C-alpha cells in the first residue's frame, strides 16, 4: 500500500477544514456566551451602615 501525493493533499485539506471550522465554532460560542452572561450583582454589601455612610 502506497501513499500518493493526492492522499496527502486530501488529508491536509481535511485537517485544515476541521481547524477552520473549529475556530469559527469557538468564536461563535464565545460571542454567544458573552451576550447571555450578565453580572448578577450582589446585595451582600448593601447594609444600613453603608446607606448611612453615603449620606
N, C-alpha and C. Protein backbone atom coordinates (compact mmCIF):
# COMPACT_ATOMS: atom_id res chain seq x y z
N UNK A 1 0.85 -1.18 0.00
CA UNK A 1 0.00 0.00 0.00
C UNK A 1 0.89 1.24 0.00
N UNK A 2 0.64 2.08 -0.95
CA UNK A 2 1.48 3.25 -1.14
C UNK A 2 0.65 4.52 -0.92
N UNK A 3 1.24 5.47 -0.25
CA UNK A 3 0.55 6.75 -0.03
C UNK A 3 0.93 7.68 -1.17
N UNK A 4 -0.09 8.13 -1.87
CA UNK A 4 0.16 9.01 -3.02
C UNK A 4 0.09 10.47 -2.60
N UNK A 5 0.51 11.30 -3.52
CA UNK A 5 0.52 12.74 -3.27
C UNK A 5 -0.91 13.26 -3.09
N UNK A 6 -1.85 12.71 -3.82
CA UNK A 6 -3.24 13.17 -3.71
C UNK A 6 -3.83 12.79 -2.35
N UNK A 7 -3.42 11.64 -1.81
CA UNK A 7 -3.89 11.25 -0.47
C UNK A 7 -3.40 12.23 0.59
N UNK A 8 -2.15 12.63 0.47
CA UNK A 8 -1.58 13.59 1.41
C UNK A 8 -2.28 14.93 1.29
N UNK A 9 -2.54 15.37 0.08
CA UNK A 9 -3.22 16.66 -0.13
C UNK A 9 -4.65 16.61 0.42
N UNK A 10 -5.34 15.50 0.23
CA UNK A 10 -6.69 15.36 0.73
C UNK A 10 -6.70 15.38 2.27
N UNK A 11 -5.78 14.67 2.87
CA UNK A 11 -5.69 14.66 4.33
C UNK A 11 -5.34 16.04 4.88
N UNK A 12 -4.44 16.74 4.22
CA UNK A 12 -4.07 18.10 4.63
C UNK A 12 -5.27 19.03 4.51
N UNK A 13 -6.02 18.91 3.43
CA UNK A 13 -7.20 19.74 3.25
C UNK A 13 -8.25 19.46 4.33
N UNK A 14 -8.46 18.20 4.66
CA UNK A 14 -9.43 17.86 5.70
C UNK A 14 -9.00 18.37 7.07
N UNK A 15 -7.72 18.28 7.37
CA UNK A 15 -7.21 18.79 8.64
C UNK A 15 -7.38 20.30 8.72
N UNK A 16 -7.08 20.99 7.64
CA UNK A 16 -7.23 22.44 7.59
C UNK A 16 -8.69 22.84 7.73
N UNK A 17 -9.58 22.12 7.08
CA UNK A 17 -11.01 22.40 7.16
C UNK A 17 -11.53 22.20 8.58
N UNK A 18 -11.11 21.15 9.24
CA UNK A 18 -11.53 20.90 10.62
C UNK A 18 -11.01 22.01 11.54
N UNK A 19 -9.78 22.43 11.32
CA UNK A 19 -9.20 23.51 12.12
C UNK A 19 -9.98 24.81 11.96
N UNK A 20 -10.29 25.16 10.73
CA UNK A 20 -11.02 26.41 10.47
C UNK A 20 -12.44 26.33 11.04
N UNK A 21 -13.12 25.23 10.83
CA UNK A 21 -14.47 25.09 11.37
C UNK A 21 -14.47 25.11 12.89
N UNK A 22 -13.47 24.53 13.51
CA UNK A 22 -13.35 24.56 14.96
C UNK A 22 -13.15 25.97 15.48
N UNK A 23 -12.33 26.75 14.81
CA UNK A 23 -12.10 28.13 15.22
C UNK A 23 -13.36 28.98 15.05
N UNK A 24 -14.08 28.78 13.95
CA UNK A 24 -15.32 29.52 13.74
C UNK A 24 -16.35 29.16 14.80
N UNK A 25 -16.49 27.88 15.09
CA UNK A 25 -17.43 27.44 16.11
C UNK A 25 -17.03 27.98 17.48
N UNK A 26 -15.74 28.00 17.78
CA UNK A 26 -15.25 28.52 19.05
C UNK A 26 -15.57 30.00 19.19
N UNK A 27 -15.32 30.79 18.14
CA UNK A 27 -15.62 32.22 18.19
C UNK A 27 -17.12 32.47 18.33
N UNK A 28 -17.93 31.66 17.66
CA UNK A 28 -19.38 31.80 17.77
C UNK A 28 -19.83 31.53 19.19
N UNK A 29 -19.30 30.49 19.80
CA UNK A 29 -19.69 30.16 21.17
C UNK A 29 -19.22 31.23 22.16
N UNK A 30 -18.05 31.81 21.94
CA UNK A 30 -17.55 32.87 22.82
C UNK A 30 -18.45 34.09 22.71
N UNK A 31 -18.82 34.48 21.50
CA UNK A 31 -19.67 35.67 21.35
C UNK A 31 -21.07 35.40 21.91
N UNK A 32 -21.56 34.19 21.76
CA UNK A 32 -22.88 33.86 22.30
C UNK A 32 -22.86 33.86 23.83
N UNK A 33 -21.80 33.35 24.43
CA UNK A 33 -21.74 33.30 25.89
C UNK A 33 -21.54 34.69 26.48
N UNK A 34 -20.88 35.60 25.77
CA UNK A 34 -20.73 36.97 26.27
C UNK A 34 -22.07 37.69 26.28
N UNK A 35 -22.90 37.44 25.29
CA UNK A 35 -24.20 38.10 25.22
C UNK A 35 -25.13 37.61 26.32
N UNK A 36 -25.07 36.34 26.63
CA UNK A 36 -26.01 35.78 27.59
C UNK A 36 -25.56 35.93 29.03
N UNK A 37 -24.27 36.19 29.25
CA UNK A 37 -23.81 36.30 30.63
C UNK A 37 -23.77 37.76 31.05
N UNK A 38 -24.55 38.07 32.04
CA UNK A 38 -24.57 39.41 32.60
C UNK A 38 -24.23 39.30 34.07
N UNK A 39 -23.56 40.31 34.61
CA UNK A 39 -23.25 40.26 36.04
C UNK A 39 -24.55 40.23 36.86
N UNK A 40 -24.60 39.34 37.80
CA UNK A 40 -25.80 39.18 38.59
C UNK A 40 -25.92 40.25 39.65
N UNK A 41 -24.81 40.75 40.10
CA UNK A 41 -24.83 41.73 41.16
C UNK A 41 -25.08 41.05 42.50
N UNK A 42 -24.70 41.71 43.53
CA UNK A 42 -24.86 41.11 44.85
C UNK A 42 -25.32 42.19 45.82
N UNK A 43 -26.14 41.79 46.74
CA UNK A 43 -26.55 42.74 47.76
C UNK A 43 -25.88 42.41 49.09
N UNK A 44 -24.75 41.73 49.02
CA UNK A 44 -24.04 41.33 50.22
C UNK A 44 -23.54 42.55 51.00
N UNK A 45 -23.06 43.56 50.27
CA UNK A 45 -22.51 44.73 50.92
C UNK A 45 -23.53 45.85 51.08
N UNK A 46 -24.75 45.63 50.67
CA UNK A 46 -25.79 46.64 50.85
C UNK A 46 -26.33 46.53 52.27
N UNK A 47 -25.83 47.36 53.13
CA UNK A 47 -26.23 47.32 54.53
C UNK A 47 -26.74 48.69 54.94
N UNK A 48 -27.36 48.75 56.08
CA UNK A 48 -27.84 50.03 56.60
C UNK A 48 -26.68 50.96 56.89
N UNK A 49 -25.57 50.39 57.36
CA UNK A 49 -24.40 51.20 57.66
C UNK A 49 -23.87 51.88 56.39
N UNK A 50 -23.84 51.14 55.29
CA UNK A 50 -23.35 51.71 54.03
C UNK A 50 -24.28 52.82 53.57
N UNK A 51 -25.58 52.61 53.68
CA UNK A 51 -26.53 53.65 53.27
C UNK A 51 -26.35 54.92 54.09
N UNK A 52 -26.13 54.79 55.39
CA UNK A 52 -25.93 55.96 56.23
C UNK A 52 -24.59 56.64 55.93
N UNK A 53 -23.58 55.85 55.59
CA UNK A 53 -22.27 56.41 55.30
C UNK A 53 -22.31 57.23 54.01
N UNK A 54 -23.09 56.81 53.01
CA UNK A 54 -23.16 57.51 51.75
C UNK A 54 -23.88 58.85 51.87
N UNK A 55 -24.70 59.02 52.88
CA UNK A 55 -25.44 60.29 53.01
C UNK A 55 -24.58 61.35 53.50
